[in-house]
Amino acid sequence: MPGHPGVDGIADFSTNDELYMGLAIKDGNDVFITGVAEDGTYPWGPDRNPQFMPGGTYPLGWTRRYGDGNVFVLLLGHDGRSFETPEFQKIVLNGVEWAAVGVAV
């Protein structure tokens, strides 16, 4: 979502990472980054058994308020490849900054 502090200064980018499919987003969550997957059969679970996964657009990051605090959620970073992209690194830094705003230390 352009304009959200989580993606401030971030251009569209591609990465190879895991998606959480069928994830329900609660009211009050402000989704700022999504991932797109195609229908397909993929290895899944501890035994890596083939499983059909529906395509779609899935949330990868969101923010919300919780009491007096800020919650920043980012689902990227499962196997380290995401960590190598400058965009991912910047999103993490954006999240730390956003979550710390207004929080007493």
Protein backbone atom coordinates (compact mmCIF):
# COMPACT_ATOMS: atom_id res chain seq x y z
CA MET A 1 0.00 0.00 0.00
CA PRO A 2 1.80 3.14 -1.14
CA GLY A 3 1.93 5.78 1.55
CA HIS A 4 2.08 3.35 4.47
CA PRO A 5 5.10 3.92 6.77
CA GLY A 6 6.05 0.22 6.48
CA VAL A 7 6.86 0.60 2.80
CA ASP A 8 8.13 4.18 2.81
CA GLY A 9 10.90 4.36 0.22
CA ILE A 10 10.24 0.83 -1.09
CA ALA A 11 9.67 0.06 -4.78
CA ASP A 12 7.91 -3.12 -5.94
CA PHE A 13 10.26 -6.10 -5.62
CA SER A 14 10.28 -9.87 -6.05
CA THR A 15 11.49 -12.42 -3.56
CA ASN A 16 11.16 -16.16 -3.13
CA ASP A 17 9.52 -16.81 0.24
CA GLU A 18 6.71 -18.73 1.90
CA LEU A 19 3.12 -17.45 1.84
CA TYR A 20 0.55 -17.98 4.55
CA MET A 21 -2.52 -18.86 2.49
CA GLY A 22 -6.04 -18.48 3.83
CA LEU A 23 -4.89 -16.14 6.60
CA ALA A 24 -7.77 -14.17 8.07
CA ILE A 25 -7.02 -10.49 8.60
CA LYS A 26 -8.77 -8.95 11.59
CA ASP A 27 -10.56 -5.65 11.50
CA GLY A 28 -8.11 -2.94 12.43
CA ASN A 29 -5.17 -4.52 10.61
CA ASP A 30 -3.69 -2.19 8.01
CA VAL A 31 -2.16 -4.45 5.33
CA PHE A 32 0.80 -2.72 3.69
CA ILE A 33 2.45 -5.49 1.64
CA THR A 34 1.02 -8.48 -0.23
CA GLY A 35 2.34 -11.39 -2.26
CA VAL A 36 0.87 -13.04 -5.32
CA ALA A 37 0.93 -16.78 -6.01
CA GLU A 38 -0.40 -18.90 -8.86
CA ASP A 39 -2.51 -22.04 -8.43
CA GLY A 40 -0.20 -25.00 -8.18
CA THR A 41 0.91 -28.13 -6.38
CA TYR A 42 3.80 -27.47 -4.03
CA PRO A 43 5.74 -29.53 -1.48
CA TRP A 44 4.31 -28.74 1.94
CA GLY A 45 4.65 -29.80 5.56
CA PRO A 46 7.44 -31.64 7.32
CA ASP A 47 7.28 -34.54 4.82
CA ARG A 48 7.15 -32.12 1.85
CA ASN A 49 4.12 -33.98 0.45
CA PRO A 50 2.61 -32.37 -2.66
CA GLN A 51 -0.36 -30.18 -1.76
CA PHE A 52 -2.60 -28.11 -4.04
CA MET A 53 -2.44 -24.44 -3.09
CA PRO A 54 -4.89 -21.91 -4.53
CA GLY A 55 -3.50 -18.83 -6.19
CA GLY A 56 -4.31 -15.36 -5.06
CA THR A 57 -3.04 -12.27 -3.35
CA TYR A 58 -2.03 -12.83 0.26
CA PRO A 59 -1.03 -10.43 3.05
CA LEU A 60 2.67 -10.36 3.93
CA GLY A 61 2.71 -7.47 6.36
CA TRP A 62 0.37 -5.32 8.39
CA THR A 63 0.24 -2.91 11.28
CA ARG A 64 -2.25 -2.28 14.02
CA ARG A 65 -2.62 -0.60 17.37
CA TYR A 66 -2.80 -2.77 20.49
CA GLY A 67 -3.64 -0.89 23.65
CA ASP A 68 -1.09 1.91 23.85
CA GLY A 69 1.37 0.13 21.55
CA ASN A 70 2.02 -0.39 17.88
CA VAL A 71 2.22 -3.86 16.30
CA PHE A 72 4.20 -4.39 13.09
CA VAL A 73 3.91 -7.81 11.41
CA LEU A 74 6.13 -8.96 8.52
CA LEU A 75 5.81 -12.54 7.27
CA LEU A 76 8.86 -12.52 4.99
CA GLY A 77 12.20 -13.98 6.04
CA HIS A 78 11.66 -17.74 6.31
CA ASP A 79 14.89 -19.00 4.81
CA GLY A 80 17.17 -16.00 4.62
CA ARG A 81 16.81 -15.14 0.94
CA SER A 82 14.49 -12.26 1.78
CA PHE A 83 17.09 -10.91 4.24
CA GLU A 84 19.47 -10.40 1.34
CA THR A 85 17.25 -7.89 -0.47
CA PRO A 86 17.70 -4.19 0.32
CA GLU A 87 13.90 -3.76 0.16
CA PHE A 88 13.35 -6.31 2.93
CA GLN A 89 16.04 -4.69 5.07
CA LYS A 90 14.42 -1.27 4.64
CA ILE A 91 10.95 -2.64 5.52
CA VAL A 92 12.37 -4.07 8.77
CA LEU A 93 13.95 -0.72 9.63
CA ASN A 94 10.70 1.07 8.75
CA GLY A 95 8.83 -1.31 11.05
CA VAL A 96 11.15 -0.77 13.98
CA GLU A 97 10.82 2.98 13.59
CA TRP A 98 7.02 2.85 13.19
CA ALA A 99 6.51 0.51 16.17
CA ALA A 100 8.69 2.68 18.42
CA VAL A 101 6.84 5.93 17.73
CA GLY A 102 4.97 7.02 20.82
CA VAL A 103 6.10 4.05 22.91
CA ALA A 104 7.67 5.02 26.24
CA VAL A 105 10.99 3.31 26.92
